[in-house]
């Protein structure tokens, strides 16, 4: 069974939070989040059995020359997203990769009804 949800939320201040996608696979949940202009070192991921929290800081520096002087503007933007997971996961086995502005988090599900061999 494969379930795919795609979410993007408008905040009260009119900013769009990063788009994320959640895939509920048979043995794992995979969450993919678009984080353009974010450096790997500025991402924090926290996981419990039923919730994923991702926070990041986006930095954008712009400089230009006008009337013989160089002007520079640096903007910072932060976001924090809590995602409630549809099933319990094992926080100790979570893995994450970040490549080309895309964060991919793999959350293995807690195994239930594990067959035990009786000897």
Protein backbone atom coordinates (compact mmCIF):
# COMPACT_ATOMS: atom_id res chain seq x y z
CA UNK A 1 0.00 0.00 0.00
CA UNK A 2 1.47 3.33 -1.07
CA UNK A 3 -0.04 6.55 0.17
CA UNK A 4 1.32 9.88 -0.98
CA UNK A 5 0.42 13.26 0.48
CA UNK A 6 1.76 16.61 -0.71
CA UNK A 7 1.38 19.64 1.53
CA UNK A 8 2.25 23.30 1.37
CA UNK A 9 0.83 25.66 3.98
CA UNK A 10 0.30 29.42 3.86
CA UNK A 11 1.33 31.02 7.14
CA UNK A 12 -0.53 33.89 8.74
CA UNK A 13 2.14 36.34 7.54
CA UNK A 14 1.60 35.38 3.89
CA UNK A 15 4.77 33.32 3.48
CA UNK A 16 4.66 29.87 1.99
CA UNK A 17 6.29 27.15 4.05
CA UNK A 18 8.44 24.71 2.10
CA UNK A 19 6.61 22.05 0.18
CA UNK A 20 6.79 18.54 1.60
CA UNK A 21 5.68 15.12 0.48
CA UNK A 22 4.98 12.10 2.67
CA UNK A 23 4.98 8.54 1.32
CA UNK A 24 3.54 5.87 3.60
CA UNK A 25 5.21 2.69 2.38
CA UNK A 26 4.84 -0.84 3.74
CA UNK A 27 7.89 -0.76 6.06
CA UNK A 28 8.80 2.93 6.19
CA UNK A 29 7.59 6.48 5.86
CA UNK A 30 9.56 8.75 3.54
CA UNK A 31 9.27 12.53 3.91
CA UNK A 32 10.78 14.80 1.24
CA UNK A 33 11.04 18.55 1.87
CA UNK A 34 12.10 21.24 -0.61
CA UNK A 35 14.61 23.58 1.08
CA UNK A 36 16.09 25.90 -1.56
CA UNK A 37 18.80 28.33 -0.40
CA UNK A 38 19.38 26.29 2.76
CA UNK A 39 22.78 24.92 3.73
CA UNK A 40 23.06 21.43 5.15
CA UNK A 41 24.52 22.79 8.39
CA UNK A 42 21.44 24.97 8.94
CA UNK A 43 18.98 22.03 9.06
CA UNK A 44 17.87 20.36 12.27
CA UNK A 45 15.75 17.20 12.39
CA UNK A 46 14.10 15.77 15.51
CA UNK A 47 12.06 12.57 15.60
CA UNK A 48 9.81 10.88 18.14
CA UNK A 49 7.71 7.76 17.60
CA UNK A 50 4.83 9.73 16.12
CA UNK A 51 6.20 13.13 15.09
CA UNK A 52 8.87 14.62 12.86
CA UNK A 53 10.13 18.15 13.43
CA UNK A 54 12.30 19.94 10.87
CA UNK A 55 13.71 23.41 11.33
CA UNK A 56 15.95 25.35 8.98
CA UNK A 57 17.40 28.77 8.41
CA UNK A 58 17.51 30.24 4.94
CA UNK A 59 20.09 32.91 4.20
CA UNK A 60 20.10 35.11 1.17
CA UNK A 61 22.77 37.72 0.54
CA UNK A 62 22.38 40.27 -2.24
CA UNK A 63 24.91 42.94 -3.11
CA UNK A 64 24.89 45.59 -5.79
CA UNK A 65 26.77 48.70 -6.77
CA UNK A 66 24.96 52.00 -7.07
CA UNK A 67 26.26 55.57 -7.23
CA UNK A 68 29.84 54.40 -6.74
CA UNK A 69 29.24 52.45 -3.53
CA UNK A 70 28.64 48.79 -2.91
CA UNK A 71 25.47 48.00 -1.03
CA UNK A 72 24.70 44.69 0.57
CA UNK A 73 21.51 43.23 1.96
CA UNK A 74 21.35 39.99 3.91
CA UNK A 75 18.01 38.41 4.74
CA UNK A 76 17.32 35.57 7.12
CA UNK A 77 14.25 33.45 7.20
CA UNK A 78 13.53 30.56 9.51
CA UNK A 79 10.90 27.91 9.52
CA UNK A 80 9.91 25.08 11.81
CA UNK A 81 7.56 22.35 10.71
CA UNK A 82 6.04 19.60 12.82
CA UNK A 83 4.63 16.67 10.89
CA UNK A 84 2.45 14.14 12.67
CA UNK A 85 3.28 10.68 11.38
CA UNK A 86 0.47 8.25 10.45
CA UNK A 87 2.19 5.32 12.21
CA UNK A 88 4.80 4.82 14.92
CA UNK A 89 8.41 4.87 13.74
CA UNK A 90 11.71 3.82 15.27
CA UNK A 91 13.59 7.09 15.99
CA UNK A 92 16.93 5.30 16.41
CA UNK A 93 16.93 4.06 12.80
CA UNK A 94 15.93 7.28 11.00
CA UNK A 95 18.22 8.44 8.19
CA UNK A 96 18.31 11.69 6.23
CA UNK A 97 20.05 12.95 3.10
CA UNK A 98 20.26 16.48 1.68
CA UNK A 99 21.11 17.04 -1.96
CA UNK A 100 20.38 19.92 -4.37
CA UNK A 101 18.04 21.64 -1.91
CA UNK A 102 15.95 18.55 -1.21
CA UNK A 103 15.87 16.91 2.24
CA UNK A 104 14.82 13.26 2.23
CA UNK A 105 14.07 11.59 5.57
CA UNK A 106 13.47 7.83 5.81
CA UNK A 107 11.64 6.70 8.94
CA UNK A 108 11.45 2.91 9.46
CA UNK A 109 8.14 1.84 10.99
CA UNK A 110 7.95 0.02 14.30
CA UNK A 111 7.54 -3.65 13.53
CA UNK A 112 4.37 -5.16 14.89
CA UNK A 113 3.19 -8.72 14.98
CA UNK A 114 6.65 -10.13 14.55
CA UNK A 115 6.44 -13.92 14.23
CA UNK A 116 8.44 -15.80 16.85
CA UNK A 117 9.73 -19.25 16.17
CA UNK A 118 8.75 -21.70 18.92
CA UNK A 119 11.23 -24.48 19.54
